[in-house]
Amino acid sequence: MRWNLCCAAVVACLAGTMAGASLAGETPAAVATARDGMGLAASAADSWADDARLVWVENDTALDPEGHASAWGYLYYSLEKHAMRSWSVRDGHIVVAADHTVSAEAPALETNWLDSAEIANRAWEGGGREFCATGGGLAHLLLVRGVFAPETAWVAVFDNGAGPSLYVLVNAASGDVKKRWRG
Protein backbone atom coordinates (compact mmCIF):
# COMPACT_ATOMS: atom_id res chain seq x y z
CA MET A 1 0.00 0.00 0.00
CA ARG A 2 2.81 2.41 0.87
CA TRP A 3 4.36 1.90 -2.57
CA ASN A 4 1.05 2.54 -4.34
CA LEU A 5 0.45 5.79 -2.44
CA CYS A 6 3.95 7.06 -3.03
CA CYS A 7 3.86 5.99 -6.66
CA ALA A 8 1.26 8.61 -7.53
CA ALA A 9 3.61 11.29 -6.25
CA VAL A 10 6.54 9.77 -8.12
CA VAL A 11 4.52 9.63 -11.35
CA ALA A 12 3.61 13.29 -11.02
CA CYS A 13 7.18 14.27 -10.17
CA LEU A 14 8.74 12.31 -13.01
CA ALA A 15 6.21 13.41 -15.56
CA GLY A 16 7.47 16.92 -14.98
CA THR A 17 11.14 16.12 -14.42
CA MET A 18 12.10 13.36 -16.82
CA ALA A 19 9.83 14.16 -19.75
CA GLY A 20 10.25 17.83 -18.98
CA ALA A 21 14.01 17.59 -19.42
CA SER A 22 13.77 19.56 -22.62
CA LEU A 23 16.07 18.64 -25.41
CA ALA A 24 14.57 21.27 -27.71
CA GLY A 25 16.88 23.17 -29.97
CA GLU A 26 19.39 20.35 -30.19
CA THR A 27 20.30 18.51 -33.37
CA PRO A 28 17.78 15.75 -34.06
CA ALA A 29 18.99 12.51 -32.53
CA ALA A 30 18.85 9.00 -33.87
CA VAL A 31 15.90 7.03 -32.60
CA ALA A 32 16.44 4.14 -30.22
CA THR A 33 14.52 1.52 -28.30
CA ALA A 34 14.31 1.52 -24.50
CA ARG A 35 17.03 -1.11 -24.12
CA ASP A 36 19.54 0.81 -26.28
CA GLY A 37 20.51 3.26 -23.53
CA MET A 38 20.13 0.92 -20.60
CA GLY A 39 23.80 -0.12 -20.41
CA LEU A 40 24.97 3.46 -20.06
CA ALA A 41 22.31 4.26 -17.47
CA ALA A 42 23.17 1.08 -15.52
CA SER A 43 26.86 2.05 -15.44
CA ALA A 44 25.98 5.50 -14.13
CA ALA A 45 23.67 3.95 -11.53
CA ASP A 46 26.40 1.55 -10.38
CA SER A 47 28.70 4.53 -9.84
CA TRP A 48 25.98 6.32 -7.88
CA ALA A 49 25.04 3.45 -5.54
CA ASP A 50 26.22 -0.14 -5.12
CA ASP A 51 22.65 -1.32 -4.56
CA ALA A 52 21.00 0.74 -7.33
CA ARG A 53 18.11 -1.06 -8.96
CA LEU A 54 16.19 -0.07 -12.07
CA VAL A 55 12.58 0.75 -11.15
CA TRP A 56 11.23 2.80 -14.07
CA VAL A 57 11.83 3.33 -17.81
CA GLU A 58 10.03 5.86 -20.01
CA ASN A 59 10.44 7.77 -23.25
CA ASP A 60 11.86 11.24 -22.61
CA THR A 61 11.09 12.50 -26.13
CA ALA A 62 8.32 11.85 -28.63
CA LEU A 63 7.77 8.28 -29.76
CA ASP A 64 7.47 7.10 -33.31
CA PRO A 65 4.74 4.52 -34.05
CA GLU A 66 7.28 1.69 -33.75
CA GLY A 67 8.22 2.48 -30.13
CA HIS A 68 11.46 4.38 -30.78
CA ALA A 69 12.40 7.71 -29.19
CA SER A 70 15.50 9.87 -29.41
CA ALA A 71 15.89 9.83 -25.60
CA TRP A 72 14.89 7.41 -22.85
CA GLY A 73 14.78 7.96 -19.10
CA TYR A 74 15.88 5.39 -16.51
CA LEU A 75 15.02 5.74 -12.83
CA TYR A 76 17.01 3.87 -10.19
CA TYR A 77 16.33 3.38 -6.50
CA SER A 78 18.89 2.80 -3.74
CA LEU A 79 17.69 1.27 -0.49
CA GLU A 80 20.97 2.23 1.22
CA LYS A 81 20.61 5.88 0.26
CA HIS A 82 16.80 5.79 0.37
CA ALA A 83 16.98 7.91 -2.76
CA MET A 84 16.09 7.92 -6.44
CA ARG A 85 18.13 9.16 -9.36
CA SER A 86 17.29 9.24 -13.06
CA TRP A 87 19.37 9.45 -16.20
CA SER A 88 18.19 10.46 -19.65
CA VAL A 89 20.18 8.87 -22.48
CA ARG A 90 20.30 10.29 -26.00
CA ASP A 91 22.64 9.26 -28.83
CA GLY A 92 24.73 7.14 -26.46
CA HIS A 93 25.27 10.01 -24.00
CA ILE A 94 23.74 10.96 -20.69
CA VAL A 95 22.07 14.31 -21.29
CA VAL A 96 20.29 14.70 -17.95
CA ALA A 97 20.97 13.28 -14.49
CA ALA A 98 18.61 14.22 -11.71
CA ASP A 99 18.07 13.33 -8.07
CA HIS A 100 14.46 12.98 -6.99
CA THR A 101 13.30 14.11 -3.57
CA VAL A 102 10.20 11.91 -3.69
CA SER A 103 11.52 8.58 -2.47
CA ALA A 104 9.68 5.41 -1.71
CA GLU A 105 11.03 1.91 -1.61
CA ALA A 106 10.36 0.73 -5.13
CA PRO A 107 10.44 -2.81 -6.50
CA ALA A 108 13.10 -3.55 -9.09
CA LEU A 109 12.01 -4.23 -12.64
CA GLU A 110 12.30 -7.85 -13.69
CA THR A 111 15.10 -8.21 -16.23
CA ASN A 112 13.27 -10.27 -18.86
CA TRP A 113 11.20 -7.44 -20.31
CA LEU A 114 10.46 -7.10 -24.00
CA ASP A 115 11.84 -3.98 -25.64
CA SER A 116 9.77 -0.93 -26.55
CA ALA A 117 9.52 -1.78 -30.27
CA GLU A 118 7.87 -5.13 -29.56
CA ILE A 119 5.60 -3.61 -26.91
CA ALA A 120 4.52 -0.79 -29.23
CA ASN A 121 3.46 -3.37 -31.80
CA ARG A 122 1.48 -5.33 -29.18
CA ALA A 123 -0.16 -2.15 -27.88
CA TRP A 124 -1.19 -1.04 -31.37
CA GLU A 125 -2.73 -4.49 -31.90
CA GLY A 126 -4.29 -4.37 -28.41
CA GLY A 127 -6.49 -1.35 -29.08
CA GLY A 128 -4.25 1.51 -30.22
CA ARG A 129 -4.91 1.05 -33.93
CA GLU A 130 -8.68 1.21 -33.49
CA PHE A 131 -8.45 4.12 -31.03
CA CYS A 132 -6.26 6.15 -33.41
CA ALA A 133 -8.15 5.23 -36.60
CA THR A 134 -9.07 8.87 -37.22
CA GLY A 135 -5.76 10.37 -36.07
CA GLY A 136 -3.38 10.55 -33.16
CA GLY A 137 -0.77 8.08 -32.08
CA LEU A 138 1.40 6.50 -29.44
CA ALA A 139 2.26 9.26 -26.99
CA HIS A 140 4.05 7.50 -24.14
CA LEU A 141 5.58 4.21 -23.02
CA LEU A 142 6.28 3.53 -19.36
CA LEU A 143 7.83 0.40 -17.84
CA VAL A 144 7.17 -0.11 -14.13
CA ARG A 145 6.48 -2.84 -11.58
CA GLY A 146 3.88 -2.89 -8.83
CA VAL A 147 1.90 0.14 -9.95
CA PHE A 148 -0.55 -1.09 -12.56
CA ALA A 149 0.18 -4.81 -12.06
CA PRO A 150 2.23 -6.84 -9.56
CA GLU A 151 4.63 -7.92 -12.29
CA THR A 152 6.75 -5.68 -14.52
CA ALA A 153 4.45 -4.15 -17.13
CA TRP A 154 4.49 -1.59 -19.90
CA VAL A 155 1.79 1.05 -20.11
CA ALA A 156 1.26 2.44 -23.60
CA VAL A 157 -0.64 5.73 -23.79
CA PHE A 158 -2.40 6.65 -27.02
CA ASP A 159 -3.79 10.13 -27.73
CA ASN A 160 -6.18 10.85 -30.59
CA GLY A 161 -6.97 14.46 -29.69
CA ALA A 162 -10.65 13.66 -29.19
CA GLY A 163 -10.98 13.24 -25.44
CA PRO A 164 -9.49 10.91 -22.86
CA SER A 165 -6.37 8.93 -23.75
CA LEU A 166 -6.32 5.16 -24.18
CA TYR A 167 -4.06 3.21 -21.80
CA VAL A 168 -2.98 -0.28 -22.78
CA LEU A 169 -1.34 -2.43 -20.08
CA VAL A 170 1.04 -5.02 -21.53
CA ASN A 171 2.85 -7.76 -19.58
CA ALA A 172 6.53 -6.88 -20.06
CA ALA A 173 7.76 -10.49 -20.27
CA SER A 174 5.07 -12.11 -22.42
CA GLY A 175 3.76 -9.16 -24.42
CA ASP A 176 0.18 -10.12 -23.55
CA VAL A 177 -2.28 -7.24 -23.32
CA LYS A 178 -3.72 -7.35 -19.79
CA LYS A 179 -6.24 -4.53 -19.93
CA ARG A 180 -7.26 -1.26 -21.55
CA TRP A 181 -8.88 1.83 -20.10
CA ARG A 182 -9.59 5.45 -20.94
CA GLY A 183 -8.62 8.33 -18.78
C-alpha atoms as a PDB file:
ATOM      1  CA  MET A   1       0.000   0.000   0.000  1.00  0.00           C
ATOM      2  CA  ARG A   2       2.814   2.413   0.871  1.00  0.00           C
ATOM      3  CA  TRP A   3       4.364   1.901  -2.571  1.00  0.00           C
ATOM      4  CA  ASN A   4       1.045   2.539  -4.342  1.00  0.00           C
ATOM      5  CA  LEU A   5       0.449   5.794  -2.440  1.00  0.00           C
ATOM      6  CA  CYS A   6       3.951   7.055  -3.034  1.00  0.00           C
ATOM      7  CA  CYS A   7       3.857   5.991  -6.660  1.00  0.00           C
ATOM      8  CA  ALA A   8       1.265   8.606  -7.528  1.00  0.00           C
ATOM      9  CA  ALA A   9       3.610  11.293  -6.245  1.00  0.00           C
ATOM     10  CA  VAL A  10       6.536   9.767  -8.122  1.00  0.00           C
ATOM     11  CA  VAL A  11       4.518   9.631 -11.349  1.00  0.00           C
ATOM     12  CA  ALA A  12       3.615  13.294 -11.017  1.00  0.00           C
ATOM     13  CA  CYS A  13       7.181  14.267 -10.175  1.00  0.00           C
ATOM     14  CA  LEU A  14       8.740  12.308 -13.005  1.00  0.00           C
ATOM     15  CA  ALA A  15       6.209  13.405 -15.560  1.00  0.00           C
ATOM     16  CA  GLY A  16       7.474  16.923 -14.977  1.00  0.00           C
ATOM     17  CA  THR A  17      11.141  16.122 -14.425  1.00  0.00           C
ATOM     18  CA  MET A  18      12.098  13.362 -16.821  1.00  0.00           C
ATOM     19  CA  ALA A  19       9.831  14.158 -19.753  1.00  0.00           C
ATOM     20  CA  GLY A  20      10.252  17.833 -18.984  1.00  0.00           C
ATOM     21  CA  ALA A  21      14.006  17.593 -19.425  1.00  0.00           C
ATOM     22  CA  SER A  22      13.771  19.557 -22.618  1.00  0.00           C
ATOM     23  CA  LEU A  23      16.068  18.644 -25.408  1.00  0.00           C
ATOM     24  CA  ALA A  24      14.568  21.267 -27.709  1.00  0.00           C
ATOM     25  CA  GLY A  25      16.879  23.169 -29.968  1.00  0.00           C
ATOM     26  CA  GLU A  26      19.389  20.346 -30.186  1.00  0.00           C
ATOM     27  CA  THR A  27      20.302  18.515 -33.368  1.00  0.00           C
ATOM     28  CA  PRO A  28      17.779  15.749 -34.062  1.00  0.00           C
ATOM     29  CA  ALA A  29      18.993  12.512 -32.534  1.00  0.00           C
ATOM     30  CA  ALA A  30      18.855   9.005 -33.873  1.00  0.00           C
ATOM     31  CA  VAL A  31      15.903   7.031 -32.600  1.00  0.00           C
ATOM     32  CA  ALA A  32      16.443   4.143 -30.219  1.00  0.00           C
ATOM     33  CA  THR A  33      14.523   1.525 -28.295  1.00  0.00           C
ATOM     34  CA  ALA A  34      14.310   1.523 -24.504  1.00  0.00           C
ATOM     35  CA  ARG A  35      17.034  -1.115 -24.120  1.00  0.00           C
ATOM     36  CA  ASP A  36      19.537   0.805 -26.276  1.00  0.00           C
ATOM     37  CA  GLY A  37      20.506   3.259 -23.532  1.00  0.00           C
ATOM     38  CA  MET A  38      20.128   0.915 -20.601  1.00  0.00           C
ATOM     39  CA  GLY A  39      23.799  -0.120 -20.410  1.00  0.00           C
ATOM     40  CA  LEU A  40      24.970   3.462 -20.059  1.00  0.00           C
ATOM     41  CA  ALA A  41      22.307   4.256 -17.470  1.00  0.00           C
ATOM     42  CA  ALA A  42      23.170   1.081 -15.522  1.00  0.00           C
ATOM     43  CA  SER A  43      26.864   2.051 -15.435  1.00  0.00           C
ATOM     44  CA  ALA A  44      25.976   5.496 -14.125  1.00  0.00           C
ATOM     45  CA  ALA A  45      23.667   3.947 -11.526  1.00  0.00           C
ATOM     46  CA  ASP A  46      26.403   1.550 -10.377  1.00  0.00           C
ATOM     47  CA  SER A  47      28.700   4.532  -9.841  1.00  0.00           C
ATOM     48  CA  TRP A  48      25.981   6.324  -7.883  1.00  0.00           C
ATOM     49  CA  ALA A  49      25.042   3.450  -5.539  1.00  0.00           C
ATOM     50  CA  ASP A  50      26.222  -0.136  -5.117  1.00  0.00           C
ATOM     51  CA  ASP A  51      22.651  -1.316  -4.558  1.00  0.00           C
ATOM     52  CA  ALA A  52      21.004   0.736  -7.327  1.00  0.00           C
ATOM     53  CA  ARG A  53      18.108  -1.064  -8.961  1.00  0.00           C
ATOM     54  CA  LEU A  54      16.187  -0.074 -12.066  1.00  0.00           C
ATOM     55  CA  VAL A  55      12.579   0.746 -11.150  1.00  0.00           C
ATOM     56  CA  TRP A  56      11.226   2.797 -14.073  1.00  0.00           C
ATOM     57  CA  VAL A  57      11.832   3.333 -17.812  1.00  0.00           C
ATOM     58  CA  GLU A  58      10.028   5.856 -20.011  1.00  0.00           C
ATOM     59  CA  ASN A  59      10.441   7.774 -23.245  1.00  0.00           C
ATOM     60  CA  ASP A  60      11.858  11.237 -22.615  1.00  0.00           C
ATOM     61  CA  THR A  61      11.090  12.497 -26.128  1.00  0.00           C
ATOM     62  CA  ALA A  62       8.324  11.854 -28.634  1.00  0.00           C
ATOM     63  CA  LEU A  63       7.770   8.283 -29.755  1.00  0.00           C
ATOM     64  CA  ASP A  64       7.467   7.099 -33.311  1.00  0.00           C
ATOM     65  CA  PRO A  65       4.740   4.520 -34.046  1.00  0.00           C
ATOM     66  CA  GLU A  66       7.284   1.693 -33.749  1.00  0.00           C
ATOM     67  CA  GLY A  67       8.223   2.476 -30.127  1.00  0.00           C
ATOM     68  CA  HIS A  68      11.457   4.377 -30.784  1.00  0.00           C
ATOM     69  CA  ALA A  69      12.403   7.706 -29.191  1.00  0.00           C
ATOM     70  CA  SER A  70      15.502   9.869 -29.407  1.00  0.00           C
ATOM     71  CA  ALA A  71      15.891   9.825 -25.604  1.00  0.00           C
ATOM     72  CA  TRP A  72      14.895   7.413 -22.852  1.00  0.00           C
ATOM     73  CA  GLY A  73      14.775   7.957 -19.103  1.00  0.00           C
ATOM     74  CA  TYR A  74      15.877   5.385 -16.512  1.00  0.00           C
ATOM     75  CA  LEU A  75      15.018   5.744 -12.831  1.00  0.00           C
ATOM     76  CA  TYR A  76      17.006   3.868 -10.193  1.00  0.00           C
ATOM     77  CA  TYR A  77      16.325   3.385  -6.501  1.00  0.00           C
ATOM     78  CA  SER A  78      18.889   2.805  -3.744  1.00  0.00           C
ATOM     79  CA  LEU A  79      17.687   1.274  -0.492  1.00  0.00           C
ATOM     80  CA  GLU A  80      20.967   2.227   1.222  1.00  0.00           C
ATOM     81  CA  LYS A  81      20.611   5.877   0.258  1.00  0.00           C
ATOM     82  CA  HIS A  82      16.798   5.792   0.373  1.00  0.00           C
ATOM     83  CA  ALA A  83      16.977   7.909  -2.757  1.00  0.00           C
ATOM     84  CA  MET A  84      16.088   7.916  -6.435  1.00  0.00           C
ATOM     85  CA  ARG A  85      18.131   9.165  -9.363  1.00  0.00           C
ATOM     86  CA  SER A  86      17.289   9.239 -13.058  1.00  0.00           C
ATOM     87  CA  TRP A  87      19.372   9.453 -16.201  1.00  0.00           C
ATOM     88  CA  SER A  88      18.189  10.456 -19.650  1.00  0.00           C
ATOM     89  CA  VAL A  89      20.178   8.872 -22.475  1.00  0.00           C
ATOM     90  CA  ARG A  90      20.300  10.286 -25.996  1.00  0.00           C
ATOM     91  CA  ASP A  91      22.644   9.256 -28.831  1.00  0.00           C
ATOM     92  CA  GLY A  92      24.728   7.141 -26.464  1.00  0.00           C
ATOM     93  CA  HIS A  93      25.270  10.006 -24.004  1.00  0.00           C
ATOM     94  CA  ILE A  94      23.739  10.962 -20.692  1.00  0.00           C
ATOM     95  CA  VAL A  95      22.071  14.314 -21.292  1.00  0.00           C
ATOM     96  CA  VAL A  96      20.285  14.702 -17.954  1.00  0.00           C
ATOM     97  CA  ALA A  97      20.975  13.280 -14.491  1.00  0.00           C
ATOM     98  CA  ALA A  98      18.610  14.218 -11.705  1.00  0.00           C
ATOM     99  CA  ASP A  99      18.070  13.334  -8.066  1.00  0.00           C
ATOM    100  CA  HIS A 100      14.462  12.978  -6.985  1.00  0.00           C
ATOM    101  CA  THR A 101      13.296  14.106  -3.574  1.00  0.00           C
ATOM    102  CA  VAL A 102      10.196  11.914  -3.690  1.00  0.00           C
ATOM    103  CA  SER A 103      11.522   8.583  -2.472  1.00  0.00           C
ATOM    104  CA  ALA A 104       9.677   5.412  -1.712  1.00  0.00           C
ATOM    105  CA  GLU A 105      11.031   1.912  -1.605  1.00  0.00           C
ATOM    106  CA  ALA A 106      10.359   0.731  -5.128  1.00  0.00           C
ATOM    107  CA  PRO A 107      10.436  -2.812  -6.500  1.00  0.00           C
ATOM    108  CA  ALA A 108      13.102  -3.552  -9.088  1.00  0.00           C
ATOM    109  CA  LEU A 109      12.006  -4.234 -12.639  1.00  0.00           C
ATOM    110  CA  GLU A 110      12.301  -7.847 -13.691  1.00  0.00           C
ATOM    111  CA  THR A 111      15.103  -8.210 -16.234  1.00  0.00           C
ATOM    112  CA  ASN A 112      13.274 -10.272 -18.860  1.00  0.00           C
ATOM    113  CA  TRP A 113      11.197  -7.438 -20.307  1.00  0.00           C
ATOM    114  CA  LEU A 114      10.457  -7.097 -23.999  1.00  0.00           C
ATOM    115  CA  ASP A 115      11.841  -3.982 -25.635  1.00  0.00           C
ATOM    116  CA  SER A 116       9.771  -0.929 -26.547  1.00  0.00           C
ATOM    117  CA  ALA A 117       9.516  -1.782 -30.273  1.00  0.00           C
ATOM    118  CA  GLU A 118       7.865  -5.133 -29.558  1.00  0.00           C
ATOM    119  CA  ILE A 119       5.603  -3.611 -26.914  1.00  0.00           C
ATOM    120  CA  ALA A 120       4.516  -0.786 -29.225  1.00  0.00           C
ATOM    121  CA  ASN A 121       3.456  -3.373 -31.803  1.00  0.00           C
ATOM    122  CA  ARG A 122       1.481  -5.333 -29.184  1.00  0.00           C
ATOM    123  CA  ALA A 123      -0.165  -2.154 -27.875  1.00  0.00           C
ATOM    124  CA  TRP A 124      -1.191  -1.039 -31.370  1.00  0.00           C
ATOM    125  CA  GLU A 125      -2.735  -4.488 -31.903  1.00  0.00           C
ATOM    126  CA  GLY A 126      -4.293  -4.366 -28.411  1.00  0.00           C
ATOM    127  CA  GLY A 127      -6.492  -1.348 -29.079  1.00  0.00           C
ATOM    128  CA  GLY A 128      -4.246   1.508 -30.217  1.00  0.00           C
ATOM    129  CA  ARG A 129      -4.910   1.048 -33.928  1.00  0.00           C
ATOM    130  CA  GLU A 130      -8.682   1.207 -33.492  1.00  0.00           C
ATOM    131  CA  PHE A 131      -8.447   4.123 -31.034  1.00  0.00           C
ATOM    132  CA  CYS A 132      -6.258   6.151 -33.412  1.00  0.00           C
ATOM    133  CA  ALA A 133      -8.149   5.232 -36.597  1.00  0.00           C
ATOM    134  CA  THR A 134      -9.074   8.873 -37.222  1.00  0.00           C
ATOM    135  CA  GLY A 135      -5.761  10.371 -36.072  1.00  0.00           C
ATOM    136  CA  GLY A 136      -3.382  10.551 -33.164  1.00  0.00           C
ATOM    137  CA  GLY A 137      -0.771   8.076 -32.084  1.00  0.00           C
ATOM    138  CA  LEU A 138       1.396   6.499 -29.442  1.00  0.00           C
ATOM    139  CA  ALA A 139       2.256   9.264 -26.987  1.00  0.00           C
ATOM    140  CA  HIS A 140       4.047   7.497 -24.142  1.00  0.00           C
ATOM    141  CA  LEU A 141       5.581   4.205 -23.021  1.00  0.00           C
ATOM    142  CA  LEU A 142       6.276   3.525 -19.362  1.00  0.00           C
ATOM    143  CA  LEU A 143       7.832   0.396 -17.837  1.00  0.00           C
ATOM    144  CA  VAL A 144       7.172  -0.106 -14.125  1.00  0.00           C
ATOM    145  CA  ARG A 145       6.475  -2.836 -11.584  1.00  0.00           C
ATOM    146  CA  GLY A 146       3.885  -2.886  -8.826  1.00  0.00           C
ATOM    147  CA  VAL A 147       1.899   0.140  -9.946  1.00  0.00           C
ATOM    148  CA  PHE A 148      -0.546  -1.095 -12.564  1.00  0.00           C
ATOM    149  CA  ALA A 149       0.182  -4.808 -12.063  1.00  0.00           C
ATOM    150  CA  PRO A 150       2.226  -6.836  -9.559  1.00  0.00           C
ATOM    151  CA  GLU A 151       4.630  -7.923 -12.294  1.00  0.00           C
ATOM    152  CA  THR A 152       6.746  -5.684 -14.523  1.00  0.00           C
ATOM    153  CA  ALA A 153       4.454  -4.154 -17.134  1.00  0.00           C
ATOM    154  CA  TRP A 154       4.490  -1.588 -19.895  1.00  0.00           C
ATOM    155  CA  VAL A 155       1.786   1.054 -20.110  1.00  0.00           C
ATOM    156  CA  ALA A 156       1.255   2.439 -23.598  1.00  0.00           C
ATOM    157  CA  VAL A 157      -0.635   5.726 -23.792  1.00  0.00           C
ATOM    158  CA  PHE A 158      -2.405   6.653 -27.018  1.00  0.00           C
ATOM    159  CA  ASP A 159      -3.787  10.132 -27.729  1.00  0.00           C
ATOM    160  CA  ASN A 160      -6.179  10.850 -30.589  1.00  0.00           C
ATOM    161  CA  GLY A 161      -6.972  14.460 -29.692  1.00  0.00           C
ATOM    162  CA  ALA A 162     -10.651  13.663 -29.187  1.00  0.00           C
ATOM    163  CA  GLY A 163     -10.976  13.241 -25.444  1.00  0.00           C
ATOM    164  CA  PRO A 164      -9.486  10.910 -22.858  1.00  0.00           C
ATOM    165  CA  SER A 165      -6.370   8.926 -23.750  1.00  0.00           C
ATOM    166  CA  LEU A 166      -6.320   5.164 -24.177  1.00  0.00           C
ATOM    167  CA  TYR A 167      -4.063   3.214 -21.795  1.00  0.00           C
ATOM    168  CA  VAL A 168      -2.976  -0.283 -22.783  1.00  0.00           C
ATOM    169  CA  LEU A 169      -1.341  -2.428 -20.081  1.00  0.00           C
ATOM    170  CA  VAL A 170       1.042  -5.025 -21.526  1.00  0.00           C
ATOM    171  CA  ASN A 171       2.854  -7.756 -19.579  1.00  0.00           C
ATOM    172  CA  ALA A 172       6.525  -6.883 -20.059  1.00  0.00           C
ATOM    173  CA  ALA A 173       7.757 -10.486 -20.267  1.00  0.00           C
ATOM    174  CA  SER A 174       5.074 -12.114 -22.422  1.00  0.00           C
ATOM    175  CA  GLY A 175       3.757  -9.160 -24.416  1.00  0.00           C
ATOM    176  CA  ASP A 176       0.184 -10.124 -23.546  1.00  0.00           C
ATOM    177  CA  VAL A 177      -2.282  -7.242 -23.325  1.00  0.00           C
ATOM    178  CA  LYS A 178      -3.715  -7.355 -19.792  1.00  0.00           C
ATOM    179  CA  LYS A 179      -6.240  -4.530 -19.932  1.00  0.00           C
ATOM    180  CA  ARG A 180      -7.261  -1.256 -21.553  1.00  0.00           C
ATOM    181  CA  TRP A 181      -8.881   1.829 -20.097  1.00  0.00           C
ATOM    182  CA  ARG A 182      -9.592   5.446 -20.940  1.00  0.00           C
ATOM    183  CA  GLY A 183      -8.622   8.330 -18.784  1.00  0.00           C
END
